[in-house]
Protein backbone atom coordinates (compact mmCIF):
# COMPACT_ATOMS: atom_id res chain seq x y z
CA MET A 1 -136.47 42.03 -114.24
CA LYS A 2 -133.71 44.64 -114.32
CA ILE A 3 -131.85 45.81 -117.43
CA THR A 4 -128.72 47.98 -117.48
CA LEU A 5 -128.02 50.01 -120.63
CA ILE A 6 -124.43 51.22 -120.96
CA TYR A 7 -122.65 53.65 -123.26
CA PRO A 8 -118.92 53.05 -122.63
CA ARG A 9 -116.23 55.65 -122.42
CA PRO A 10 -113.32 55.21 -124.87
CA THR A 11 -110.72 54.14 -122.30
CA ASP A 12 -110.46 52.24 -119.02
CA THR A 13 -109.53 55.39 -117.13
CA PRO A 14 -111.85 58.41 -116.87
CA GLN A 15 -110.90 61.29 -119.15
CA LYS A 16 -111.51 64.98 -118.83
CA LEU A 17 -113.75 65.41 -121.85
CA PHE A 18 -114.34 69.11 -121.57
CA SER A 19 -112.01 71.92 -120.66
CA SER A 20 -113.62 75.02 -119.21
CA THR A 21 -112.27 78.53 -118.87
CA PRO A 22 -114.14 81.58 -117.55
CA LEU A 23 -114.73 82.70 -121.16
CA MET A 24 -116.07 79.29 -122.22
CA ASN A 25 -118.37 79.23 -119.19
CA VAL A 26 -119.82 82.59 -120.24
CA LEU A 27 -120.30 81.40 -123.81
CA LYS A 28 -121.95 78.16 -122.68
CA SER A 29 -124.30 80.08 -120.43
CA PHE A 30 -125.27 82.41 -123.27
CA LEU A 31 -125.96 79.51 -125.63
CA GLY A 32 -127.83 77.53 -122.99
CA LEU A 33 -125.38 74.63 -123.21
CA GLY A 34 -124.60 72.04 -120.54
CA GLU A 35 -121.34 71.10 -118.91
CA MET A 36 -120.08 68.56 -121.47
CA ASN A 37 -119.47 68.75 -125.21
CA PHE A 38 -121.47 65.66 -126.24
CA THR A 39 -125.11 64.62 -126.43
CA PRO A 40 -126.99 61.68 -124.88
CA PRO A 41 -126.82 58.43 -126.90
CA LEU A 42 -130.21 58.17 -128.62
CA SER A 43 -129.62 54.52 -129.58
CA LEU A 44 -129.83 53.36 -125.96
CA LEU A 45 -132.69 55.73 -125.16
CA MET A 46 -134.60 54.17 -128.06
CA LEU A 47 -134.00 50.70 -126.58
CA ALA A 48 -135.38 52.01 -123.30
CA ALA A 49 -138.45 53.25 -125.17
CA VAL A 50 -139.26 49.79 -126.57
CA THR A 51 -138.57 47.99 -123.29
CA PRO A 52 -141.73 46.60 -121.62
CA PRO A 53 -142.93 49.01 -118.92
CA GLU A 54 -142.69 46.43 -116.13
CA VAL A 55 -138.91 46.08 -116.69
CA GLN A 56 -136.67 48.24 -114.52
CA ILE A 57 -134.02 50.18 -116.45
CA ARG A 58 -130.70 51.56 -115.26
CA PHE A 59 -128.94 53.83 -117.76
CA VAL A 60 -125.20 54.51 -117.47
CA ASP A 61 -123.29 56.88 -119.74
CA GLU A 62 -119.79 56.01 -118.64
CA ARG A 63 -118.46 59.27 -120.03
CA LEU A 64 -120.29 60.88 -117.09
CA ASP A 65 -120.69 58.22 -114.41
CA GLU A 66 -118.89 55.14 -113.15
CA ILE A 67 -120.46 51.70 -113.56
CA ASN A 68 -121.47 49.99 -110.33
CA PHE A 69 -120.72 46.36 -111.14
CA ASP A 70 -121.97 45.32 -107.71
CA GLU A 71 -125.51 46.48 -108.39
CA PRO A 72 -127.51 43.39 -109.43
CA THR A 73 -128.81 43.32 -112.99
CA ASP A 74 -130.27 40.55 -115.12
CA LEU A 75 -129.48 41.76 -118.62
CA VAL A 76 -126.93 44.28 -119.86
CA GLY A 77 -127.11 46.08 -123.21
CA ILE A 78 -123.96 47.85 -124.42
CA SER A 79 -123.62 50.11 -127.46
CA VAL A 80 -120.27 49.61 -129.19
CA LEU A 81 -118.42 52.09 -131.38
CA THR A 82 -115.08 50.96 -132.82
CA LYS A 83 -112.81 53.06 -130.61
CA MET A 84 -114.82 51.98 -127.55
CA ALA A 85 -114.84 48.27 -128.40
CA PRO A 86 -111.99 47.13 -126.09
CA ARG A 87 -113.56 48.98 -123.15
CA ALA A 88 -117.02 47.64 -124.03
CA TYR A 89 -115.66 44.09 -124.17
CA ARG A 90 -114.05 44.42 -120.75
CA ILE A 91 -117.31 45.72 -119.30
CA ALA A 92 -119.19 42.84 -120.91
CA ASP A 93 -116.72 40.27 -119.62
CA GLU A 94 -117.01 41.60 -116.07
CA PHE A 95 -120.81 41.50 -116.07
CA ARG A 96 -120.81 37.98 -117.50
CA ARG A 97 -118.31 36.91 -114.84
CA ARG A 98 -120.83 38.11 -112.25
CA GLY A 99 -123.65 36.12 -113.83
CA SER A 100 -125.45 38.78 -115.92
CA ALA A 101 -126.31 38.16 -119.57
CA VAL A 102 -124.87 40.67 -122.04
CA VAL A 103 -126.13 41.93 -125.41
CA LEU A 104 -123.81 43.96 -127.64
CA GLY A 105 -125.03 46.23 -130.43
CA GLY A 106 -124.05 49.36 -132.29
CA VAL A 107 -121.95 49.98 -135.37
CA HIS A 108 -118.89 47.94 -134.38
CA ALA A 109 -120.88 44.94 -133.21
CA SER A 110 -122.87 45.08 -136.45
CA VAL A 111 -119.77 44.89 -138.66
CA MET A 112 -117.78 42.54 -136.40
CA PRO A 113 -120.51 40.27 -134.97
CA GLN A 114 -118.34 37.18 -134.56
CA GLU A 115 -115.71 39.15 -132.65
CA ALA A 116 -118.39 40.73 -130.46
CA ARG A 117 -119.99 37.34 -129.92
CA THR A 118 -116.95 36.14 -127.95
CA HIS A 119 -117.77 38.75 -125.29
CA ALA A 120 -121.56 38.51 -125.28
CA ASP A 121 -124.51 36.18 -124.95
CA ALA A 122 -126.13 37.86 -127.96
CA VAL A 123 -125.23 40.40 -130.63
CA VAL A 124 -127.58 42.74 -132.51
CA VAL A 125 -126.69 43.44 -136.13
CA GLY A 126 -128.38 46.58 -137.47
CA GLU A 127 -131.01 48.68 -135.73
CA GLY A 128 -131.90 47.54 -132.27
CA GLU A 129 -135.52 48.60 -131.80
CA LYS A 130 -137.11 45.80 -133.81
CA ALA A 131 -135.03 43.06 -132.17
CA TRP A 132 -135.09 44.31 -128.56
CA ALA A 133 -138.51 43.03 -127.47
CA GLN A 134 -137.66 39.59 -128.86
CA ILE A 135 -134.32 39.61 -127.04
CA ILE A 136 -136.03 40.36 -123.72
CA SER A 137 -138.62 37.64 -124.33
CA ASP A 138 -135.96 35.09 -125.31
CA PHE A 139 -133.88 35.99 -122.26
CA GLN A 140 -136.82 35.49 -119.94
CA ARG A 141 -137.36 32.04 -121.49
CA GLY A 142 -133.65 31.21 -121.20
CA ALA A 143 -133.34 30.94 -124.97
CA LEU A 144 -131.16 33.83 -126.20
CA GLU A 145 -129.99 33.49 -129.80
CA PRO A 146 -126.35 34.30 -130.58
CA ILE A 147 -127.20 36.80 -133.36
CA TYR A 148 -130.26 39.01 -133.86
CA HIS A 149 -130.78 40.92 -137.11
CA GLY A 150 -132.51 44.24 -136.54
CA GLY A 151 -132.29 45.29 -140.19
CA HIS A 152 -132.49 48.84 -141.50
CA ASP A 153 -136.14 49.06 -142.38
CA ALA A 154 -137.93 50.28 -139.26
CA ASP A 155 -140.93 52.49 -140.00
CA LEU A 156 -139.82 55.69 -138.26
CA SER A 157 -143.40 56.90 -137.94
CA GLN A 158 -144.13 53.93 -135.67
CA LEU A 159 -141.17 54.33 -133.32
CA PRO A 160 -141.75 55.79 -129.85
CA ARG A 161 -139.82 58.78 -128.62
CA PRO A 162 -136.54 58.11 -126.82
CA ARG A 163 -137.01 57.60 -123.07
CA ARG A 164 -135.08 60.49 -121.61
CA ASP A 165 -136.48 59.92 -118.13
CA VAL A 166 -133.87 57.19 -117.56
CA ILE A 167 -131.00 59.73 -117.78
CA PRO A 168 -129.74 60.55 -114.27
CA HIS A 169 -128.25 63.98 -115.09
CA PRO A 170 -129.63 65.33 -118.40
CA GLU A 171 -128.46 68.84 -117.61
CA ARG A 172 -124.82 67.82 -117.95
CA TYR A 173 -124.99 67.15 -121.69
CA VAL A 174 -124.24 69.96 -124.10
CA THR A 175 -127.96 69.78 -124.84
CA GLY A 176 -130.70 67.27 -124.14
CA LYS A 177 -132.85 68.68 -126.95
CA VAL A 178 -131.61 66.04 -129.40
CA VAL A 179 -133.85 64.48 -132.02
CA PHE A 180 -133.61 62.64 -135.33
CA ALA A 181 -135.81 63.29 -138.34
CA SER A 182 -134.38 60.69 -140.69
CA ARG A 183 -132.24 57.59 -140.97
CA GLY A 184 -130.22 56.17 -143.80
CA CYS A 185 -127.65 57.55 -146.23
CA PRO A 186 -127.70 56.41 -149.87
CA ASN A 187 -124.34 58.00 -150.71
CA GLY A 188 -122.08 55.05 -149.83
CA CYS A 189 -118.87 57.05 -149.32
CA ALA A 190 -115.85 54.75 -149.07
CA PHE A 191 -114.65 56.10 -145.71
CA CYS A 192 -118.02 56.25 -143.94
CA SER A 193 -119.84 53.60 -141.91
CA ALA A 194 -123.23 55.36 -141.93
CA GLY A 195 -124.67 52.87 -144.41
CA THR A 196 -123.75 50.04 -142.07
CA ALA A 197 -125.10 51.82 -139.02
CA VAL A 198 -128.44 53.08 -140.33
CA GLY A 199 -128.77 51.59 -143.80
CA LYS A 200 -128.67 53.09 -147.27
CA ARG A 201 -132.42 53.49 -147.72
CA TYR A 202 -133.40 57.00 -146.67
CA ARG A 203 -136.35 57.10 -144.27
CA THR A 204 -138.03 60.08 -142.64
CA ARG A 205 -140.26 60.71 -139.66
CA PRO A 206 -143.47 62.66 -140.11
CA VAL A 207 -142.65 66.34 -139.65
CA HIS A 208 -145.34 66.82 -137.03
CA GLN A 209 -143.80 64.09 -134.87
CA VAL A 210 -140.43 65.83 -134.94
CA ILE A 211 -141.98 69.18 -134.08
CA ASP A 212 -144.05 67.70 -131.26
CA GLU A 213 -140.95 66.07 -129.77
CA LEU A 214 -138.95 69.30 -129.95
CA ASN A 215 -141.78 71.18 -128.26
CA SER A 216 -141.81 68.62 -125.45
CA LEU A 217 -138.11 69.07 -124.64
CA PRO A 218 -136.63 71.83 -122.48
CA GLY A 219 -133.62 73.86 -123.53
CA LYS A 220 -132.60 76.71 -125.80
CA PHE A 221 -130.55 74.72 -128.28
CA ALA A 222 -131.54 71.71 -130.40
CA TYR A 223 -129.38 69.22 -132.26
CA PHE A 224 -130.45 66.98 -135.14
CA ALA A 225 -128.57 63.68 -134.88
CA ASP A 226 -129.27 62.71 -138.51
CA ASP A 227 -126.39 61.55 -140.69
CA ASN A 228 -127.80 63.34 -143.73
CA LEU A 229 -130.69 65.60 -142.81
CA GLY A 230 -131.08 67.24 -146.21
CA TRP A 231 -130.81 64.29 -148.59
CA ASP A 232 -134.53 64.60 -149.39
CA VAL A 233 -134.67 68.31 -150.17
CA GLN A 234 -138.48 68.55 -150.22
CA TYR A 235 -138.74 66.85 -146.84
CA ALA A 236 -136.03 69.14 -145.46
CA LYS A 237 -137.91 72.22 -146.67
CA ALA A 238 -141.11 71.02 -145.02
CA LEU A 239 -139.24 70.39 -141.77
CA PHE A 240 -137.44 73.73 -141.78
CA ASN A 241 -140.69 75.56 -142.53
CA ALA A 242 -142.26 73.86 -139.53
CA LEU A 243 -139.31 74.87 -137.34
CA VAL A 244 -139.74 78.59 -138.03
CA PRO A 245 -142.61 79.20 -135.54
CA LEU A 246 -140.68 77.38 -132.78
CA LYS A 247 -138.05 80.16 -132.74
CA ILE A 248 -135.36 77.76 -131.57
CA ARG A 249 -131.64 77.61 -132.35
CA TRP A 250 -130.38 74.38 -133.82
CA ALA A 251 -127.47 72.58 -135.45
CA GLY A 252 -127.28 69.64 -137.82
CA GLU A 253 -125.55 68.12 -140.86
CA LEU A 254 -126.38 68.50 -144.57
CA SER A 255 -124.73 67.37 -147.79
CA LEU A 256 -123.16 70.11 -149.87
CA SER A 257 -125.35 69.18 -152.83
CA ALA A 258 -128.47 70.20 -150.86
CA LEU A 259 -127.11 73.74 -150.64
CA GLU A 260 -127.50 74.17 -154.38
CA ASP A 261 -131.15 74.90 -153.56
CA VAL A 262 -131.26 78.59 -152.55
CA GLU A 263 -134.73 78.29 -151.05
CA LEU A 264 -133.52 75.55 -148.72
CA VAL A 265 -130.60 77.70 -147.54
CA GLU A 266 -132.93 80.62 -146.85
CA LEU A 267 -135.17 78.28 -144.83
CA LEU A 268 -132.14 77.10 -142.86
CA ALA A 269 -131.58 80.66 -141.70
CA ARG A 270 -135.24 81.40 -141.00
CA SER A 271 -135.65 78.17 -139.00
CA GLY A 272 -132.87 79.08 -136.55
CA CYS A 273 -129.84 77.15 -137.81
CA VAL A 274 -126.79 78.49 -135.96
CA ALA A 275 -124.28 75.80 -136.95
CA LEU A 276 -124.43 73.72 -140.12
CA GLY A 277 -122.09 70.77 -140.55
CA VAL A 278 -121.06 70.04 -144.14
CA GLY A 279 -118.61 67.41 -145.31
CA PHE A 280 -116.07 69.02 -147.63
CA GLU A 281 -113.71 66.12 -146.82
CA SER A 282 -111.16 67.04 -149.51
CA LEU A 283 -110.22 69.83 -151.92
CA SER A 284 -109.11 67.33 -154.57
CA PRO A 285 -111.51 66.13 -157.30
CA GLN A 286 -109.37 63.01 -157.68
CA VAL A 287 -109.61 62.16 -153.98
CA LEU A 288 -113.36 62.79 -153.96
CA ALA A 289 -113.82 60.48 -156.94
CA ALA A 290 -111.70 57.76 -155.31
CA ILE A 291 -113.81 57.83 -152.12
CA ARG A 292 -117.11 58.15 -154.01
CA LYS A 293 -117.82 61.58 -152.56
CA ASN A 294 -117.94 63.26 -155.97
CA GLN A 295 -121.64 62.42 -156.23
CA THR A 296 -122.35 65.26 -153.79
CA ASN A 297 -119.13 67.31 -153.76
CA ASP A 298 -117.52 69.47 -156.44
CA PRO A 299 -114.59 71.56 -155.15
CA ALA A 300 -115.21 74.11 -157.89
CA ARG A 301 -118.55 74.85 -156.19
CA TYR A 302 -117.21 75.09 -152.65
CA PRO A 303 -116.60 78.89 -152.59
CA GLU A 304 -120.04 79.71 -154.02
CA LEU A 305 -121.87 77.43 -151.58
CA VAL A 306 -119.89 78.88 -148.68
CA ARG A 307 -120.77 82.41 -149.79
CA ARG A 308 -124.41 81.39 -150.01
CA LEU A 309 -124.46 80.20 -146.40
CA HIS A 310 -122.60 83.29 -145.25
CA HIS A 311 -125.04 85.54 -147.13
CA PHE A 312 -127.76 84.19 -144.85
CA GLY A 313 -125.56 84.43 -141.75
CA ILE A 314 -125.24 80.66 -141.22
CA PRO A 315 -121.99 79.53 -139.51
CA ILE A 316 -120.28 76.57 -141.18
CA LEU A 317 -118.89 73.55 -139.39
CA GLY A 318 -116.68 72.31 -142.20
CA HIS A 319 -115.45 68.71 -142.04
CA PHE A 320 -112.09 67.90 -143.64
CA ILE A 321 -110.12 64.64 -143.60
CA ILE A 322 -106.36 64.32 -144.10
CA GLY A 323 -104.49 61.16 -145.04
CA PHE A 324 -106.29 59.93 -148.16
CA ASP A 325 -104.15 58.15 -150.74
CA GLY A 326 -104.18 61.25 -152.93
CA ASP A 327 -102.93 63.51 -150.11
CA ASP A 328 -99.31 64.60 -149.97
CA ALA A 329 -97.42 67.13 -147.86
CA THR A 330 -99.05 70.06 -149.67
CA ILE A 331 -102.47 69.27 -148.18
CA PHE A 332 -101.83 71.18 -144.95
CA ASP A 333 -101.06 74.57 -146.48
CA ALA A 334 -103.85 74.07 -149.00
CA LEU A 335 -106.38 73.52 -146.20
CA ILE A 336 -105.15 76.50 -144.19
CA ASP A 337 -105.40 78.72 -147.27
CA PHE A 338 -108.87 77.46 -148.24
CA ILE A 339 -110.36 77.68 -144.76
CA THR A 340 -108.88 81.13 -144.19
CA ALA A 341 -109.78 82.54 -147.61
CA ASN A 342 -113.36 81.26 -147.39
CA ALA A 343 -113.77 82.13 -143.71
CA ILE A 344 -114.96 78.70 -142.61
CA GLU A 345 -115.90 79.60 -139.06
CA MET A 346 -115.69 76.13 -137.50
CA PRO A 347 -113.14 73.88 -139.25
CA SER A 348 -113.17 70.24 -138.16
CA ILE A 349 -109.96 68.44 -139.11
CA ALA A 350 -109.70 64.67 -138.73
CA THR A 351 -107.14 62.13 -139.80
CA LEU A 352 -108.48 59.32 -141.93
CA ILE A 353 -109.62 56.26 -139.99
CA PRO A 354 -110.43 53.14 -142.07
CA TYR A 355 -113.24 51.89 -139.82
CA PRO A 356 -114.27 48.24 -140.03
CA GLY A 357 -117.23 47.82 -142.34
CA THR A 358 -116.15 50.58 -144.74
CA THR A 359 -114.93 50.15 -148.29
CA LEU A 360 -111.58 51.72 -147.36
CA TYR A 361 -111.05 49.24 -144.53
CA ARG A 362 -111.64 46.31 -146.85
CA GLN A 363 -109.33 47.82 -149.47
CA PHE A 364 -106.51 48.56 -147.03
CA ASP A 365 -106.90 45.12 -145.44
CA ARG A 366 -106.58 43.42 -148.84
CA GLU A 367 -103.51 45.51 -149.59
CA GLY A 368 -101.88 44.69 -146.25
CA ARG A 369 -101.97 48.34 -145.16
CA ILE A 370 -103.89 47.90 -141.89
CA LEU A 371 -101.12 48.20 -139.31
CA HIS A 372 -103.04 46.74 -136.38
CA LYS A 373 -106.52 46.09 -135.06
CA ASP A 374 -106.26 47.63 -131.62
CA TRP A 375 -109.64 49.32 -131.88
CA SER A 376 -108.93 51.69 -129.00
CA LEU A 377 -106.45 53.46 -131.28
CA TYR A 378 -108.97 53.92 -134.12
CA ASP A 379 -109.41 57.57 -133.32
CA THR A 380 -108.48 60.81 -135.02
CA ILE A 381 -105.19 61.46 -133.22
CA ALA A 382 -102.77 62.03 -136.05
CA ASP A 383 -99.60 60.41 -134.70
CA ASN A 384 -101.45 57.22 -133.95
CA LEU A 385 -101.69 55.71 -137.42
CA VAL A 386 -103.64 52.50 -137.84
CA TYR A 387 -102.98 52.18 -141.57
CA GLN A 388 -100.15 52.94 -143.98
CA PRO A 389 -100.86 56.03 -146.11
CA LYS A 390 -99.42 56.19 -149.61
CA GLN A 391 -97.72 59.59 -149.53
CA LEU A 392 -97.49 60.61 -145.87
CA ASP A 393 -96.02 59.08 -142.74
CA ALA A 394 -97.06 59.33 -139.10
CA LYS A 395 -94.77 62.27 -138.30
CA GLN A 396 -95.94 64.26 -141.31
CA LEU A 397 -99.57 63.71 -140.40
CA ALA A 398 -99.00 64.55 -136.72
CA ASP A 399 -96.98 67.68 -137.44
CA GLY A 400 -99.45 68.80 -140.09
CA TYR A 401 -102.42 68.17 -137.81
CA VAL A 402 -100.86 70.21 -134.99
CA ARG A 403 -100.00 73.04 -137.37
CA LEU A 404 -103.56 73.10 -138.69
CA ALA A 405 -104.92 73.28 -135.15
CA GLN A 406 -102.51 76.03 -134.14
CA LYS A 407 -103.26 78.11 -137.22
CA LEU A 408 -107.01 77.63 -137.28
CA TYR A 409 -108.19 77.39 -133.67
CA SER A 410 -106.45 80.42 -132.20
CA THR A 411 -108.87 83.04 -130.91
CA ARG A 412 -107.45 85.66 -133.25
CA ALA A 413 -107.82 83.47 -136.33
CA ALA A 414 -111.32 82.35 -135.34
CA LEU A 415 -112.53 85.90 -134.70
CA GLY A 416 -111.07 86.99 -138.03
CA ARG A 417 -112.98 84.31 -139.92
CA VAL A 418 -116.21 85.06 -138.05
CA ALA A 419 -115.90 88.77 -138.83
CA ARG A 420 -115.16 88.25 -142.54
CA ALA A 421 -117.98 85.71 -142.90
CA HIS A 422 -120.50 88.19 -141.48
CA THR A 423 -121.71 85.40 -139.22
CA ALA A 424 -125.09 86.11 -137.67
CA PHE A 425 -124.62 87.92 -134.36
CA PRO A 426 -124.81 87.17 -131.55
CA THR A 427 -125.78 83.48 -131.47
CA GLY A 428 -123.99 82.28 -134.60
CA ALA A 429 -120.83 84.19 -133.79
CA VAL A 430 -120.79 83.01 -130.18
CA THR A 431 -121.34 79.41 -131.32
CA ALA A 432 -118.38 79.66 -133.70
CA VAL A 433 -116.02 81.18 -131.12
CA HIS A 434 -117.07 78.59 -128.54
CA TYR A 435 -116.38 75.79 -131.03
CA ASN A 436 -112.85 77.02 -131.75
CA LEU A 437 -112.01 77.36 -128.08
CA THR A 438 -113.23 73.85 -127.26
CA SER A 439 -111.51 72.40 -130.35
CA SER A 440 -108.21 73.92 -129.33
CA ALA A 441 -108.59 72.47 -125.82
CA SER A 442 -109.60 69.08 -127.23
CA VAL A 443 -106.52 68.86 -129.49
CA LYS A 444 -104.26 69.63 -126.54
CA GLN A 445 -105.96 66.94 -124.46
CA ASP A 446 -105.66 64.40 -127.29
CA PHE A 447 -101.93 64.83 -127.59
CA GLN A 448 -101.41 64.92 -123.83
CA ALA A 449 -103.28 61.60 -123.66
CA MET A 450 -101.04 60.17 -126.37
CA ASP A 451 -97.93 61.32 -124.48
CA VAL A 452 -99.18 59.48 -121.39
CA MET A 453 -99.89 56.32 -123.41
CA ARG A 454 -96.42 56.40 -124.98
CA ALA A 455 -94.79 56.93 -121.57
CA LYS A 456 -96.63 53.92 -120.17
CA ALA A 457 -95.64 51.81 -123.16
CA VAL A 458 -91.95 52.70 -122.67
CA ALA A 459 -92.16 51.97 -118.94
């Protein structure tokens, strides 16, 4: 039996997903990073890990390689994110036309199972590992069920490691040293689909398993793929303590509330953290309350928590979202001033996307504010609105987004923030500069892609 596992690209046509310059090549080499700016999809590698050993597996990350539809395969598993859904459905339809059975899973399939079902022989709702062996068995018996419920209760201590041996070109990813230590996010923020994807009950892997896996993987740079690595502060401290002897460099995401613990922040630095993602999301207490982010975020505490990270030399990847109902035209200058004044080394600006399965999507849908359901456009390109904001229009968001990028991602502005933050040198500083360069290139590519799409639509 042969199974093909596919991670689709966002569009039908290949995109240049990384822009290199001589400077960026030098920075990548110093950091030990690969060619691209994304990591391998652990969800599919976990399915490979629970596949019976006698089954042949072909793994295709379409962001890197083309799919060979002519190569025979019995069963196809496709991971579906919302913006990739149209492409995933076309891939599924083509394989089914050629006689292969198709299983769809991932966040989008989990929240839109009936839609996904029209393009598949079976759909997995929730985590895939628990359902996968049954799916293979049912397929071999010719008795696939339309829907499989994987749940969100897998015992992480019993899961095998992802099967990275199925990746054809691991060296091309930004890093292959990618692990997860936890799953689940109890916060339930209105704009976030993490609860749908991995459940609200927080689960952790034994620390020794995480450390053993990291030790088994090559590379200079590690990435934790957890949605909320520091929700359990005591577990996070144990993990970071165990990382210290490894002398690795790593990046991951923590809630701002975890940074109230000074000991944890000190351990972050000692364990080799060179880029910490934190979700500021908004500077407005009213917005944070409306999206249920006020349980972890207090804007009055932002400057102190930023100073705390900077005191220990930890570069900040600060996530901000524009387009909430409480946002008006003043949000752009306010963000520029805050990010500049607090020397946020790596600002990440995204326009609000009401993803299916989130509280905001359901609210906007009830209110008639979802403009369309072309999932390929559910991305963070600002002039490509999929919902009707209350106080901003598409042009205001697009112009503001471009101005933010121009002000924040320039080399001069980035170096100024890095210098004033006293970012740990050299690795932290190099990481921050590299991020700003790639972000600037990515924004340019996004808007060039939109120009091409608009030109085709007019034609």
